[in-house]
Amino acid sequence: MAHHQITLDDQTIQALMGQKDNALAVLVQPVLNQVLEAQVTEYLQVERYE
């Protein structure tokens, strides 16, 4: 199984802290986007826009 490092920008962290009702969605969306992008890169064996 591959390991991926997930990063969140300051804007996402600020939104997460300010959104109690929507916090899970704010956190999950960028994480899933990064995981999917890493899987596509791994599958295609090319970097984005290459």
N, C-alpha and C. Protein backbone atom coordinates (compact mmCIF):
# COMPACT_ATOMS: atom_id res chain seq x y z
N MET A 1 0.83 -1.17 0.00
CA MET A 1 0.00 0.00 0.00
C MET A 1 0.88 1.24 0.00
N ALA A 2 0.52 2.21 -0.82
CA ALA A 2 1.29 3.44 -0.91
C ALA A 2 0.96 4.36 0.27
N HIS A 3 1.92 5.17 0.64
CA HIS A 3 1.73 6.15 1.70
C HIS A 3 1.72 7.52 1.05
N HIS A 4 0.81 8.37 1.49
CA HIS A 4 0.68 9.71 0.93
C HIS A 4 0.72 10.72 2.06
N GLN A 5 1.43 11.80 1.82
CA GLN A 5 1.46 12.89 2.80
C GLN A 5 0.38 13.89 2.40
N ILE A 6 -0.52 14.16 3.32
CA ILE A 6 -1.63 15.07 3.08
C ILE A 6 -1.29 16.42 3.71
N THR A 7 -1.45 17.48 2.93
CA THR A 7 -1.19 18.82 3.45
C THR A 7 -2.46 19.66 3.33
N LEU A 8 -2.64 20.53 4.29
CA LEU A 8 -3.76 21.46 4.28
C LEU A 8 -3.20 22.87 4.34
N ASP A 9 -3.72 23.75 3.49
CA ASP A 9 -3.24 25.12 3.50
C ASP A 9 -3.88 25.90 4.66
N ASP A 10 -3.34 27.08 4.91
CA ASP A 10 -3.82 27.90 6.03
C ASP A 10 -5.30 28.24 5.89
N GLN A 11 -5.75 28.50 4.67
CA GLN A 11 -7.14 28.86 4.43
C GLN A 11 -8.07 27.71 4.84
N THR A 12 -7.69 26.48 4.51
CA THR A 12 -8.50 25.31 4.87
C THR A 12 -8.54 25.14 6.38
N ILE A 13 -7.41 25.32 7.03
CA ILE A 13 -7.36 25.18 8.49
C ILE A 13 -8.21 26.25 9.16
N GLN A 14 -8.15 27.49 8.67
CA GLN A 14 -8.98 28.56 9.22
C GLN A 14 -10.47 28.26 9.02
N ALA A 15 -10.83 27.75 7.85
CA ALA A 15 -12.22 27.39 7.58
C ALA A 15 -12.66 26.26 8.49
N LEU A 16 -11.77 25.32 8.73
CA LEU A 16 -12.08 24.19 9.61
C LEU A 16 -12.35 24.67 11.03
N MET A 17 -11.58 25.61 11.50
CA MET A 17 -11.74 26.11 12.86
C MET A 17 -13.02 26.94 13.01
N GLY A 18 -13.43 27.61 11.93
CA GLY A 18 -14.60 28.48 12.00
C GLY A 18 -15.91 27.79 11.67
N GLN A 19 -15.88 26.59 11.15
CA GLN A 19 -17.09 25.90 10.71
C GLN A 19 -17.35 24.68 11.59
N LYS A 20 -18.23 24.80 12.54
CA LYS A 20 -18.51 23.65 13.40
C LYS A 20 -19.45 22.67 12.72
N ASP A 21 -20.46 23.15 12.01
CA ASP A 21 -21.43 22.28 11.36
C ASP A 21 -20.87 21.64 10.10
N ASN A 22 -19.95 22.31 9.45
CA ASN A 22 -19.44 21.88 8.15
C ASN A 22 -17.98 21.43 8.23
N ALA A 23 -17.47 21.23 9.42
CA ALA A 23 -16.04 20.96 9.60
C ALA A 23 -15.59 19.69 8.89
N LEU A 24 -16.37 18.64 8.96
CA LEU A 24 -15.98 17.38 8.33
C LEU A 24 -15.86 17.54 6.83
N ALA A 25 -16.80 18.21 6.20
CA ALA A 25 -16.75 18.43 4.76
C ALA A 25 -15.54 19.29 4.37
N VAL A 26 -15.25 20.30 5.17
CA VAL A 26 -14.10 21.18 4.91
C VAL A 26 -12.80 20.38 4.98
N LEU A 27 -12.73 19.42 5.87
CA LEU A 27 -11.53 18.60 6.03
C LEU A 27 -11.44 17.50 4.98
N VAL A 28 -12.53 16.83 4.70
CA VAL A 28 -12.52 15.65 3.83
C VAL A 28 -12.29 16.01 2.36
N GLN A 29 -12.86 17.08 1.89
CA GLN A 29 -12.75 17.43 0.48
C GLN A 29 -11.31 17.58 0.00
N PRO A 30 -10.46 18.41 0.63
CA PRO A 30 -9.09 18.52 0.14
C PRO A 30 -8.29 17.23 0.33
N VAL A 31 -8.58 16.48 1.38
CA VAL A 31 -7.87 15.22 1.59
C VAL A 31 -8.20 14.24 0.48
N LEU A 32 -9.48 14.09 0.16
CA LEU A 32 -9.86 13.18 -0.92
C LEU A 32 -9.31 13.63 -2.27
N ASN A 33 -9.31 14.94 -2.52
CA ASN A 33 -8.74 15.44 -3.77
C ASN A 33 -7.26 15.08 -3.89
N GLN A 34 -6.51 15.23 -2.80
CA GLN A 34 -5.08 14.90 -2.83
C GLN A 34 -4.85 13.41 -3.01
N VAL A 35 -5.67 12.59 -2.36
CA VAL A 35 -5.53 11.14 -2.50
C VAL A 35 -5.85 10.71 -3.93
N LEU A 36 -6.94 11.23 -4.48
CA LEU A 36 -7.30 10.87 -5.85
C LEU A 36 -6.23 11.33 -6.84
N GLU A 37 -5.70 12.52 -6.66
CA GLU A 37 -4.66 13.01 -7.55
C GLU A 37 -3.41 12.13 -7.47
N ALA A 38 -3.04 11.71 -6.26
CA ALA A 38 -1.88 10.83 -6.09
C ALA A 38 -2.12 9.48 -6.76
N GLN A 39 -3.34 8.96 -6.64
CA GLN A 39 -3.64 7.67 -7.27
C GLN A 39 -3.60 7.77 -8.78
N VAL A 40 -4.12 8.84 -9.33
CA VAL A 40 -4.09 9.03 -10.78
C VAL A 40 -2.65 9.15 -11.26
N THR A 41 -1.85 9.93 -10.54
CA THR A 41 -0.44 10.10 -10.90
C THR A 41 0.28 8.76 -10.87
N GLU A 42 0.03 7.98 -9.83
CA GLU A 42 0.66 6.67 -9.70
C GLU A 42 0.21 5.73 -10.82
N TYR A 43 -1.07 5.74 -11.14
CA TYR A 43 -1.62 4.84 -12.15
C TYR A 43 -1.09 5.21 -13.53
N LEU A 44 -1.09 6.50 -13.86
CA LEU A 44 -0.64 6.94 -15.18
C LEU A 44 0.86 7.02 -15.31
N GLN A 45 1.55 7.04 -14.18
CA GLN A 45 3.00 7.15 -14.12
C GLN A 45 3.53 8.41 -14.78
N VAL A 46 2.77 9.49 -14.66
CA VAL A 46 3.20 10.81 -15.11
C VAL A 46 2.74 11.83 -14.09
N GLU A 47 3.44 12.94 -14.03
CA GLU A 47 3.05 14.03 -13.13
C GLU A 47 1.96 14.85 -13.80
N ARG A 48 1.27 15.65 -13.02
CA ARG A 48 0.20 16.50 -13.54
C ARG A 48 0.75 17.47 -14.58
N TYR A 49 0.00 17.65 -15.67
CA TYR A 49 0.33 18.55 -16.79
C TYR A 49 1.62 18.16 -17.49
N GLU A 50 1.98 16.91 -17.43
CA GLU A 50 3.21 16.46 -18.09
C GLU A 50 2.89 15.99 -19.49
